[in-house]
Amino acid sequence: MLFVLLILLLFPSCSDSNELTPEQIKETTMFTDKYDPDIILIEDNAQNSLSTFFRNLNRANYGDRNFFVKYPFLADTGSGIRVEQLWLTGIHYENGNYYGTLANSPMNISNLKKDDKVIFSTDSVTDWMYVHNGKIIGGQSIKYLLENIPEEQRNNQQRKILQMF
């Protein structure tokens, strides 16, 4: 039996500066097969390059902003999905744990809501991203999913996000 992962994408209402800020987050839901080889590769690449994300987070240069990691949470029983992927912002390490703040409103997890602070394990991060001088670094799951929307079905906001890669 195939399982479905819920993927929440960050879609900023793109401003002239092409900056992605938590205040600009709008949610779009996309489903993908958990055995999709491209998604598996994206998750593996995210894990293998996570040190790059943390290095840039800890030494954020001028022009580096809006650091996010994508993390899987178990969905509610009976929701029809096993895992819901949510973006976390405000990433920091404190007292031996990594913390982040939910940047999305969960659709299938009743005990969490947007802006909740959560503990997460770096071993389960499935994607990461930040914005450097208006360009998205990382965020390969977003790029992949947007590229799989036929061009004629993409809205202007989705096209603009693709241009940020």
N, C-alpha and C. Protein backbone atom coordinates (compact mmCIF):
# COMPACT_ATOMS: atom_id res chain seq x y z
N MET A 1 0.85 -1.18 0.00
CA MET A 1 0.00 0.00 0.00
C MET A 1 0.90 1.23 0.00
N LEU A 2 0.55 2.20 -0.79
CA LEU A 2 1.32 3.43 -0.87
C LEU A 2 0.82 4.40 0.18
N PHE A 3 1.74 5.11 0.78
CA PHE A 3 1.40 6.16 1.73
C PHE A 3 1.58 7.50 1.04
N VAL A 4 0.91 8.48 1.55
CA VAL A 4 1.01 9.81 0.97
C VAL A 4 1.57 10.74 2.01
N LEU A 5 2.52 11.56 1.63
CA LEU A 5 3.07 12.59 2.50
C LEU A 5 2.40 13.91 2.16
N LEU A 6 2.09 14.66 3.16
CA LEU A 6 1.55 15.99 2.94
C LEU A 6 2.72 16.95 2.94
N ILE A 7 2.87 17.68 1.89
CA ILE A 7 3.96 18.63 1.76
C ILE A 7 3.36 20.03 1.76
N LEU A 8 3.76 20.84 2.71
CA LEU A 8 3.31 22.23 2.72
C LEU A 8 4.43 23.09 2.17
N LEU A 9 4.10 23.89 1.22
CA LEU A 9 5.08 24.75 0.57
C LEU A 9 4.94 26.16 1.08
N LEU A 10 6.03 26.84 1.12
CA LEU A 10 6.03 28.25 1.47
C LEU A 10 5.91 29.05 0.20
N PHE A 11 4.86 29.83 0.10
CA PHE A 11 4.68 30.69 -1.04
C PHE A 11 4.61 32.12 -0.55
N PRO A 12 5.68 32.87 -0.72
CA PRO A 12 5.62 34.25 -0.27
C PRO A 12 4.79 35.09 -1.24
N SER A 13 4.16 36.10 -0.71
CA SER A 13 3.60 37.09 -1.63
C SER A 13 4.79 37.95 -2.00
N CYS A 14 5.34 37.65 -3.13
CA CYS A 14 6.64 38.19 -3.51
C CYS A 14 6.61 39.70 -3.60
N SER A 15 7.52 40.32 -2.90
CA SER A 15 7.64 41.77 -2.95
C SER A 15 8.72 42.13 -3.96
N ASP A 16 8.91 43.41 -4.13
CA ASP A 16 9.95 43.85 -5.07
C ASP A 16 11.32 43.36 -4.67
N SER A 17 11.55 43.17 -3.37
CA SER A 17 12.87 42.78 -2.91
C SER A 17 13.11 41.27 -3.03
N ASN A 18 12.09 40.50 -3.43
CA ASN A 18 12.20 39.05 -3.53
C ASN A 18 12.64 38.41 -2.22
N GLU A 19 12.27 39.00 -1.10
CA GLU A 19 12.61 38.41 0.18
C GLU A 19 11.49 37.51 0.65
N LEU A 20 11.85 36.45 1.31
CA LEU A 20 10.90 35.52 1.88
C LEU A 20 10.89 35.75 3.38
N THR A 21 9.79 36.21 3.90
CA THR A 21 9.70 36.47 5.33
C THR A 21 8.58 35.67 5.93
N PRO A 22 8.67 35.33 7.21
CA PRO A 22 7.60 34.55 7.84
C PRO A 22 6.23 35.20 7.70
N GLU A 23 6.18 36.52 7.67
CA GLU A 23 4.90 37.22 7.53
C GLU A 23 4.28 37.02 6.16
N GLN A 24 5.07 36.62 5.18
CA GLN A 24 4.58 36.46 3.81
C GLN A 24 4.15 35.03 3.50
N ILE A 25 4.23 34.15 4.48
CA ILE A 25 3.95 32.75 4.22
C ILE A 25 2.47 32.52 3.94
N LYS A 26 2.22 31.86 2.85
CA LYS A 26 0.89 31.37 2.54
C LYS A 26 1.05 29.87 2.30
N GLU A 27 0.05 29.11 2.59
CA GLU A 27 0.19 27.66 2.50
C GLU A 27 -0.47 27.11 1.24
N THR A 28 0.20 26.20 0.62
CA THR A 28 -0.35 25.43 -0.47
C THR A 28 -0.05 23.98 -0.15
N THR A 29 -1.03 23.14 -0.28
CA THR A 29 -0.86 21.73 0.06
C THR A 29 -0.64 20.93 -1.21
N MET A 30 0.36 20.07 -1.16
CA MET A 30 0.61 19.16 -2.27
C MET A 30 0.88 17.80 -1.68
N PHE A 31 0.42 16.77 -2.37
CA PHE A 31 0.63 15.42 -1.92
C PHE A 31 1.63 14.74 -2.83
N THR A 32 2.41 13.84 -2.24
CA THR A 32 3.35 13.07 -3.04
C THR A 32 3.47 11.68 -2.44
N ASP A 33 3.79 10.74 -3.26
CA ASP A 33 3.99 9.36 -2.83
C ASP A 33 5.27 9.32 -2.00
N LYS A 34 5.21 8.68 -0.85
CA LYS A 34 6.39 8.64 0.01
C LYS A 34 7.54 7.86 -0.63
N TYR A 35 7.24 7.06 -1.64
CA TYR A 35 8.28 6.29 -2.32
C TYR A 35 8.76 6.96 -3.60
N ASP A 36 8.36 8.19 -3.84
CA ASP A 36 8.81 8.94 -5.01
C ASP A 36 10.33 9.01 -4.95
N PRO A 37 11.04 8.44 -5.93
CA PRO A 37 12.51 8.42 -5.87
C PRO A 37 13.13 9.82 -5.84
N ASP A 38 12.49 10.79 -6.47
CA ASP A 38 13.02 12.15 -6.46
C ASP A 38 12.90 12.77 -5.07
N ILE A 39 11.79 12.53 -4.39
CA ILE A 39 11.62 13.04 -3.03
C ILE A 39 12.62 12.37 -2.10
N ILE A 40 12.82 11.07 -2.26
CA ILE A 40 13.81 10.36 -1.43
C ILE A 40 15.20 10.95 -1.65
N LEU A 41 15.56 11.22 -2.89
CA LEU A 41 16.86 11.82 -3.21
C LEU A 41 16.98 13.21 -2.59
N ILE A 42 15.91 14.01 -2.67
CA ILE A 42 15.91 15.35 -2.07
C ILE A 42 16.13 15.25 -0.57
N GLU A 43 15.45 14.31 0.08
CA GLU A 43 15.61 14.14 1.53
C GLU A 43 17.03 13.70 1.87
N ASP A 44 17.59 12.76 1.09
CA ASP A 44 18.97 12.32 1.32
C ASP A 44 19.95 13.48 1.14
N ASN A 45 19.75 14.26 0.08
CA ASN A 45 20.62 15.41 -0.16
C ASN A 45 20.51 16.43 0.96
N ALA A 46 19.30 16.64 1.47
CA ALA A 46 19.11 17.57 2.59
C ALA A 46 19.90 17.10 3.81
N GLN A 47 19.82 15.81 4.09
CA GLN A 47 20.56 15.27 5.24
C GLN A 47 22.08 15.41 5.03
N ASN A 48 22.53 15.10 3.81
CA ASN A 48 23.97 15.15 3.53
C ASN A 48 24.53 16.57 3.50
N SER A 49 23.67 17.57 3.32
CA SER A 49 24.16 18.94 3.24
C SER A 49 23.68 19.80 4.41
N LEU A 50 23.13 19.17 5.43
CA LEU A 50 22.60 19.92 6.57
C LEU A 50 23.68 20.75 7.27
N SER A 51 24.92 20.29 7.24
CA SER A 51 26.00 21.07 7.86
C SER A 51 26.17 22.41 7.14
N THR A 52 25.93 22.45 5.84
CA THR A 52 25.98 23.71 5.10
C THR A 52 24.91 24.67 5.60
N PHE A 53 23.71 24.16 5.80
CA PHE A 53 22.62 24.98 6.34
C PHE A 53 23.02 25.57 7.70
N PHE A 54 23.48 24.73 8.61
CA PHE A 54 23.81 25.21 9.95
C PHE A 54 25.01 26.15 9.96
N ARG A 55 25.96 25.88 9.09
CA ARG A 55 27.11 26.79 8.98
C ARG A 55 26.63 28.19 8.58
N ASN A 56 25.74 28.25 7.60
CA ASN A 56 25.23 29.55 7.15
C ASN A 56 24.28 30.17 8.16
N LEU A 57 23.52 29.36 8.86
CA LEU A 57 22.64 29.87 9.91
C LEU A 57 23.46 30.53 11.03
N ASN A 58 24.52 29.86 11.43
CA ASN A 58 25.35 30.35 12.54
C ASN A 58 26.25 31.50 12.16
N ARG A 59 26.54 31.65 10.87
CA ARG A 59 27.39 32.75 10.41
C ARG A 59 26.66 33.58 9.37
N ALA A 60 25.39 33.81 9.60
CA ALA A 60 24.57 34.50 8.60
C ALA A 60 25.25 35.79 8.15
N ASN A 61 25.58 35.83 6.89
CA ASN A 61 26.19 37.00 6.29
C ASN A 61 25.10 37.99 5.90
N TYR A 62 25.52 39.19 5.61
CA TYR A 62 24.58 40.16 5.08
C TYR A 62 23.96 39.57 3.83
N GLY A 63 22.67 39.59 3.74
CA GLY A 63 21.98 39.02 2.59
C GLY A 63 21.44 37.62 2.85
N ASP A 64 21.85 36.98 3.96
CA ASP A 64 21.31 35.67 4.32
C ASP A 64 20.15 35.87 5.28
N ARG A 65 18.98 35.37 4.91
CA ARG A 65 17.78 35.55 5.73
C ARG A 65 16.87 34.33 5.65
N ASN A 66 15.89 34.32 6.53
CA ASN A 66 14.77 33.40 6.44
C ASN A 66 15.20 31.94 6.35
N PHE A 67 15.77 31.46 7.42
CA PHE A 67 16.24 30.08 7.50
C PHE A 67 15.10 29.17 7.93
N PHE A 68 14.89 28.08 7.19
CA PHE A 68 13.82 27.13 7.47
C PHE A 68 14.35 25.70 7.33
N VAL A 69 13.80 24.79 8.11
CA VAL A 69 13.99 23.35 7.87
C VAL A 69 12.61 22.73 7.75
N LYS A 70 12.53 21.67 6.96
CA LYS A 70 11.27 20.94 6.82
C LYS A 70 11.39 19.67 7.63
N TYR A 71 10.36 19.40 8.42
CA TYR A 71 10.42 18.31 9.37
C TYR A 71 9.12 17.50 9.34
N PRO A 72 9.23 16.17 9.40
CA PRO A 72 8.02 15.33 9.37
C PRO A 72 7.43 15.15 10.77
N PHE A 73 6.13 15.30 10.86
CA PHE A 73 5.40 15.06 12.11
C PHE A 73 4.36 13.99 11.83
N LEU A 74 4.15 13.10 12.80
CA LEU A 74 3.10 12.08 12.64
C LEU A 74 1.74 12.76 12.61
N ALA A 75 0.95 12.39 11.63
CA ALA A 75 -0.39 12.95 11.48
C ALA A 75 -1.35 12.22 12.43
N ASP A 76 -2.48 12.84 12.67
CA ASP A 76 -3.51 12.24 13.51
C ASP A 76 -3.99 10.92 12.90
N THR A 77 -4.27 9.95 13.77
CA THR A 77 -4.85 8.69 13.34
C THR A 77 -6.18 8.98 12.66
N GLY A 78 -6.41 8.33 11.54
CA GLY A 78 -7.66 8.52 10.82
C GLY A 78 -7.66 9.71 9.87
N SER A 79 -6.53 10.42 9.77
CA SER A 79 -6.47 11.59 8.90
C SER A 79 -6.30 11.22 7.43
N GLY A 80 -5.92 9.97 7.18
CA GLY A 80 -5.70 9.54 5.80
C GLY A 80 -4.26 9.66 5.34
N ILE A 81 -3.43 10.29 6.15
CA ILE A 81 -2.00 10.35 5.84
C ILE A 81 -1.22 9.92 7.08
N ARG A 82 0.01 9.52 6.86
CA ARG A 82 0.85 9.08 7.97
C ARG A 82 1.68 10.22 8.53
N VAL A 83 2.20 11.05 7.62
CA VAL A 83 3.15 12.09 8.00
C VAL A 83 2.75 13.40 7.34
N GLU A 84 2.88 14.49 8.09
CA GLU A 84 2.69 15.83 7.55
C GLU A 84 4.02 16.56 7.68
N GLN A 85 4.50 17.07 6.56
CA GLN A 85 5.76 17.81 6.53
C GLN A 85 5.46 19.27 6.82
N LEU A 86 6.16 19.85 7.78
CA LEU A 86 5.96 21.25 8.15
C LEU A 86 7.29 21.97 8.15
N TRP A 87 7.25 23.25 7.77
CA TRP A 87 8.44 24.08 7.80
C TRP A 87 8.59 24.70 9.18
N LEU A 88 9.83 24.72 9.66
CA LEU A 88 10.17 25.34 10.95
C LEU A 88 11.08 26.53 10.69
N THR A 89 10.88 27.59 11.42
CA THR A 89 11.73 28.77 11.36
C THR A 89 12.23 29.06 12.77
N GLY A 90 13.04 30.09 12.93
CA GLY A 90 13.56 30.41 14.26
C GLY A 90 14.43 29.28 14.80
N ILE A 91 15.17 28.63 13.94
CA ILE A 91 15.97 27.47 14.30
C ILE A 91 17.09 27.87 15.25
N HIS A 92 17.18 27.15 16.38
CA HIS A 92 18.29 27.40 17.31
C HIS A 92 18.54 26.17 18.17
N TYR A 93 19.73 26.13 18.74
CA TYR A 93 20.17 25.04 19.60
C TYR A 93 20.26 25.57 21.02
N GLU A 94 19.66 24.85 21.95
CA GLU A 94 19.61 25.31 23.34
C GLU A 94 19.51 24.10 24.27
N ASN A 95 20.35 24.06 25.27
CA ASN A 95 20.31 22.99 26.28
C ASN A 95 20.28 21.59 25.69
N GLY A 96 21.08 21.37 24.65
CA GLY A 96 21.20 20.04 24.06
C GLY A 96 20.11 19.66 23.06
N ASN A 97 19.23 20.59 22.72
CA ASN A 97 18.14 20.31 21.79
C ASN A 97 18.07 21.37 20.69
N TYR A 98 17.58 20.93 19.52
CA TYR A 98 17.27 21.87 18.45
C TYR A 98 15.80 22.26 18.56
N TYR A 99 15.53 23.55 18.38
CA TYR A 99 14.18 24.08 18.46
C TYR A 99 13.85 24.84 17.18
N GLY A 100 12.58 24.86 16.86
CA GLY A 100 12.08 25.65 15.76
C GLY A 100 10.64 26.03 16.03
N THR A 101 10.16 26.98 15.27
CA THR A 101 8.78 27.45 15.39
C THR A 101 8.04 27.07 14.11
N LEU A 102 6.85 26.48 14.26
CA LEU A 102 6.07 26.07 13.10
C LEU A 102 5.73 27.27 12.23
N ALA A 103 6.12 27.20 10.98
CA ALA A 103 5.83 28.27 10.03
C ALA A 103 4.54 28.00 9.27
N ASN A 104 4.00 26.80 9.41
CA ASN A 104 2.77 26.40 8.74
C ASN A 104 1.72 26.02 9.77
N SER A 105 0.48 26.07 9.37
CA SER A 105 -0.63 25.56 10.19
C SER A 105 -0.85 24.11 9.79
N PRO A 106 -0.64 23.18 10.71
CA PRO A 106 -0.87 21.77 10.37
C PRO A 106 -2.34 21.54 10.00
N MET A 107 -2.54 20.66 9.05
CA MET A 107 -3.90 20.33 8.63
C MET A 107 -4.38 19.03 9.27
N ASN A 108 -3.43 18.17 9.62
CA ASN A 108 -3.77 16.83 10.09
C ASN A 108 -3.11 16.48 11.42
N ILE A 109 -2.77 17.50 12.20
CA ILE A 109 -2.16 17.28 13.51
C ILE A 109 -2.88 18.20 14.49
N SER A 110 -3.75 17.63 15.28
CA SER A 110 -4.62 18.45 16.12
C SER A 110 -3.92 19.08 17.32
N ASN A 111 -2.79 18.52 17.73
CA ASN A 111 -2.13 19.06 18.93
C ASN A 111 -1.03 20.08 18.61
N LEU A 112 -0.93 20.53 17.35
CA LEU A 112 0.04 21.55 16.97
C LEU A 112 -0.66 22.66 16.20
N LYS A 113 -0.10 23.87 16.29
CA LYS A 113 -0.61 24.99 15.50
C LYS A 113 0.55 25.88 15.08
N LYS A 114 0.29 26.70 14.06
CA LYS A 114 1.30 27.62 13.59
C LYS A 114 1.82 28.44 14.76
N ASP A 115 3.12 28.71 14.77
CA ASP A 115 3.84 29.48 15.79
C ASP A 115 4.14 28.69 17.05
N ASP A 116 3.78 27.39 17.11
CA ASP A 116 4.18 26.57 18.25
C ASP A 116 5.69 26.32 18.18
N LYS A 117 6.34 26.34 19.32
CA LYS A 117 7.76 26.02 19.42
C LYS A 117 7.87 24.51 19.63
N VAL A 118 8.71 23.86 18.82
CA VAL A 118 8.87 22.41 18.89
C VAL A 118 10.35 22.05 18.97
N ILE A 119 10.62 20.89 19.55
CA ILE A 119 11.95 20.29 19.54
C ILE A 119 12.00 19.39 18.32
N PHE A 120 13.14 19.37 17.62
CA PHE A 120 13.26 18.47 16.47
C PHE A 120 14.64 17.83 16.46
N SER A 121 14.72 16.71 15.76
CA SER A 121 15.97 15.97 15.59
C SER A 121 16.51 16.26 14.20
N THR A 122 17.77 16.61 14.13
CA THR A 122 18.36 16.89 12.81
C THR A 122 18.39 15.63 11.94
N ASP A 123 18.32 14.45 12.54
CA ASP A 123 18.34 13.20 11.78
C ASP A 123 17.11 13.03 10.90
N SER A 124 16.04 13.79 11.18
CA SER A 124 14.79 13.62 10.43
C SER A 124 14.45 14.80 9.52
N VAL A 125 15.33 15.79 9.45
CA VAL A 125 15.07 16.93 8.56
C VAL A 125 15.01 16.43 7.12
N THR A 126 13.98 16.86 6.37
CA THR A 126 13.80 16.39 5.00
C THR A 126 14.12 17.44 3.94
N ASP A 127 14.30 18.68 4.35
CA ASP A 127 14.71 19.74 3.44
C ASP A 127 15.11 20.94 4.29
N TRP A 128 15.82 21.85 3.71
CA TRP A 128 16.20 23.10 4.38
C TRP A 128 16.30 24.17 3.31
N MET A 129 16.21 25.41 3.76
CA MET A 129 16.36 26.51 2.82
C MET A 129 16.64 27.81 3.57
N TYR A 130 17.21 28.73 2.85
CA TYR A 130 17.32 30.12 3.30
C TYR A 130 17.41 30.99 2.06
N VAL A 131 17.28 32.27 2.26
CA VAL A 131 17.35 33.21 1.15
C VAL A 131 18.66 33.97 1.25
N HIS A 132 19.41 33.98 0.16
CA HIS A 132 20.67 34.72 0.08
C HIS A 132 20.55 35.72 -1.06
N ASN A 133 20.56 37.02 -0.71
CA ASN A 133 20.45 38.08 -1.71
C ASN A 133 19.30 37.85 -2.69
N GLY A 134 18.14 37.44 -2.14
CA GLY A 134 16.95 37.28 -2.96
C GLY A 134 16.83 35.95 -3.68
N LYS A 135 17.81 35.05 -3.52
CA LYS A 135 17.78 33.74 -4.15
C LYS A 135 17.58 32.67 -3.08
N ILE A 136 16.75 31.68 -3.40
CA ILE A 136 16.53 30.56 -2.48
C ILE A 136 17.69 29.60 -2.61
N ILE A 137 18.31 29.30 -1.48
CA ILE A 137 19.37 28.29 -1.38
C ILE A 137 18.73 27.09 -0.70
N GLY A 138 18.89 25.90 -1.26
CA GLY A 138 18.21 24.72 -0.72
C GLY A 138 16.79 24.70 -1.25
N GLY A 139 15.85 24.27 -0.40
CA GLY A 139 14.44 24.26 -0.79
C GLY A 139 14.13 23.40 -1.99
N GLN A 140 14.88 22.32 -2.14
CA GLN A 140 14.74 21.50 -3.34
C GLN A 140 13.37 20.82 -3.44
N SER A 141 12.71 20.56 -2.31
CA SER A 141 11.37 19.97 -2.40
C SER A 141 10.38 20.98 -2.98
N ILE A 142 10.54 22.24 -2.63
CA ILE A 142 9.67 23.28 -3.20
C ILE A 142 9.88 23.36 -4.71
N LYS A 143 11.14 23.43 -5.10
CA LYS A 143 11.45 23.53 -6.52
C LYS A 143 10.90 22.33 -7.29
N TYR A 144 11.13 21.15 -6.77
CA TYR A 144 10.67 19.93 -7.42
C TYR A 144 9.16 19.92 -7.59
N LEU A 145 8.45 20.23 -6.52
CA LEU A 145 6.99 20.19 -6.58
C LEU A 145 6.44 21.27 -7.50
N LEU A 146 7.03 22.46 -7.46
CA LEU A 146 6.57 23.52 -8.37
C LEU A 146 6.85 23.16 -9.83
N GLU A 147 8.00 22.58 -10.09
CA GLU A 147 8.33 22.19 -11.47
C GLU A 147 7.40 21.10 -11.99
N ASN A 148 6.77 20.36 -11.09
CA ASN A 148 5.85 19.31 -11.51
C ASN A 148 4.43 19.80 -11.71
N ILE A 149 4.19 21.08 -11.46
CA ILE A 149 2.91 21.68 -11.81
C ILE A 149 3.05 22.12 -13.27
N PRO A 150 2.17 21.66 -14.15
CA PRO A 150 2.28 22.11 -15.55
C PRO A 150 2.28 23.63 -15.64
N GLU A 151 3.12 24.16 -16.51
CA GLU A 151 3.29 25.61 -16.65
C GLU A 151 1.96 26.34 -16.77
N GLU A 152 1.05 25.81 -17.53
CA GLU A 152 -0.23 26.49 -17.72
C GLU A 152 -1.10 26.49 -16.46
N GLN A 153 -0.75 25.66 -15.48
CA GLN A 153 -1.51 25.61 -14.23
C GLN A 153 -0.84 26.40 -13.10
N ARG A 154 0.40 26.83 -13.30
CA ARG A 154 1.10 27.62 -12.27
C ARG A 154 0.54 29.03 -12.22
N ASN A 155 0.42 29.56 -11.02
CA ASN A 155 0.02 30.96 -10.90
C ASN A 155 1.27 31.85 -10.92
N ASN A 156 1.09 33.14 -11.00
CA ASN A 156 2.22 34.08 -11.09
C ASN A 156 3.13 33.97 -9.87
N GLN A 157 2.55 33.77 -8.71
CA GLN A 157 3.34 33.64 -7.49
C GLN A 157 4.26 32.42 -7.57
N GLN A 158 3.74 31.30 -8.05
CA GLN A 158 4.54 30.09 -8.19
C GLN A 158 5.66 30.30 -9.21
N ARG A 159 5.37 30.98 -10.30
CA ARG A 159 6.41 31.27 -11.30
C ARG A 159 7.51 32.14 -10.71
N LYS A 160 7.11 33.13 -9.93
CA LYS A 160 8.09 34.05 -9.33
C LYS A 160 8.98 33.31 -8.34
N ILE A 161 8.41 32.39 -7.58
CA ILE A 161 9.21 31.59 -6.65
C ILE A 161 10.22 30.76 -7.41
N LEU A 162 9.80 30.12 -8.50
CA LEU A 162 10.75 29.35 -9.30
C LEU A 162 11.91 30.20 -9.80
N GLN A 163 11.63 31.46 -10.10
CA GLN A 163 12.70 32.36 -10.54
C GLN A 163 13.67 32.70 -9.41
N MET A 164 13.27 32.48 -8.18
CA MET A 164 14.16 32.76 -7.05
C MET A 164 15.22 31.68 -6.86
N PHE A 165 15.10 30.54 -7.57
CA PHE A 165 16.10 29.47 -7.45
C PHE A 165 17.26 29.74 -8.38
